[in-house]
Amino acid sequence: QYQLWALIDGKPKDLGVFDVNDEKVILKMSNTEKAEAFAITIEQKGGNPSPTLEKMQSMGKTRQSL
């Protein structure tokens, strides 16, 4: 599964998991207003409490952190 993360105050925050076969994905997220970046990793089914950095697929900084 893919897992979405927010980087807030330098620490990763789990935002939920989704499958590659999902046509439409809606993840209910808690407040990410202070997020410095977002990332997607591949994790075991159900997700992990912390990201597996070797399996990072994408990462992007937010406009406020540029």
Protein backbone atom coordinates (compact mmCIF):
# COMPACT_ATOMS: atom_id res chain seq x y z
CA GLN A 1 0.00 0.00 0.00
CA TYR A 2 0.95 3.60 -0.46
CA GLN A 3 1.09 5.77 2.65
CA LEU A 4 0.77 9.55 2.68
CA TRP A 5 2.83 11.62 5.10
CA ALA A 6 3.06 15.26 6.13
CA LEU A 7 6.32 16.67 7.47
CA ILE A 8 5.37 18.95 10.37
CA ASP A 9 8.03 20.55 12.59
CA GLY A 10 10.57 18.18 11.00
CA LYS A 11 8.64 15.03 11.97
CA PRO A 12 6.57 12.73 9.71
CA LYS A 13 2.84 12.51 10.43
CA ASP A 14 0.78 9.62 9.03
CA LEU A 15 -2.09 10.86 6.86
CA GLY A 16 -3.44 7.50 5.72
CA VAL A 17 -2.95 4.60 3.30
CA PHE A 18 -4.36 3.81 -0.13
CA ASP A 19 -4.02 1.11 -2.79
CA VAL A 20 -2.57 1.54 -6.25
CA ASN A 21 -5.75 0.10 -7.81
CA ASP A 22 -8.03 2.70 -6.23
CA GLU A 23 -9.54 4.88 -8.97
CA LYS A 24 -10.52 7.65 -6.58
CA VAL A 25 -8.93 8.27 -3.22
CA ILE A 26 -10.24 10.53 -0.48
CA LEU A 27 -8.25 10.61 2.74
CA LYS A 28 -9.71 12.40 5.72
CA MET A 29 -6.75 14.26 7.19
CA SER A 30 -6.24 16.11 10.41
CA ASN A 31 -4.92 19.67 10.32
CA THR A 32 -1.94 19.94 7.95
CA GLU A 33 -1.79 23.73 7.91
CA LYS A 34 1.77 23.71 9.31
CA ALA A 35 3.05 21.01 6.93
CA GLU A 36 6.45 21.78 5.42
CA ALA A 37 6.23 18.93 2.87
CA PHE A 38 4.17 15.91 1.83
CA ALA A 39 5.53 12.48 0.87
CA ILE A 40 4.30 9.10 -0.35
CA THR A 41 5.99 5.81 0.59
CA ILE A 42 5.25 2.16 -0.13
CA GLU A 43 4.52 0.34 3.12
CA GLN A 44 3.17 -2.98 4.37
CA LYS A 45 -0.60 -3.40 4.18
CA GLY A 46 -2.16 -1.22 6.88
CA GLY A 47 0.77 1.22 6.94
CA ASN A 48 3.63 1.88 9.32
CA PRO A 49 4.00 4.25 12.29
CA SER A 50 7.04 5.80 10.58
CA PRO A 51 7.95 6.06 6.89
CA THR A 52 10.29 3.62 5.14
CA LEU A 53 12.53 6.21 3.48
CA GLU A 54 14.09 3.68 1.10
CA LYS A 55 10.62 3.21 -0.42
CA MET A 56 9.78 6.89 -0.83
CA GLN A 57 8.01 7.45 -4.16
CA SER A 58 7.42 11.19 -4.10
CA MET A 59 8.04 14.22 -1.90
CA GLY A 60 7.17 17.86 -2.39
CA LYS A 61 7.63 20.96 -0.30
CA THR A 62 4.71 23.22 0.43
CA ARG A 63 4.66 26.76 -0.83
CA GLN A 64 5.24 28.13 2.67
CA SER A 65 8.48 26.15 3.02
CA LEU A 66 10.03 27.28 -0.27
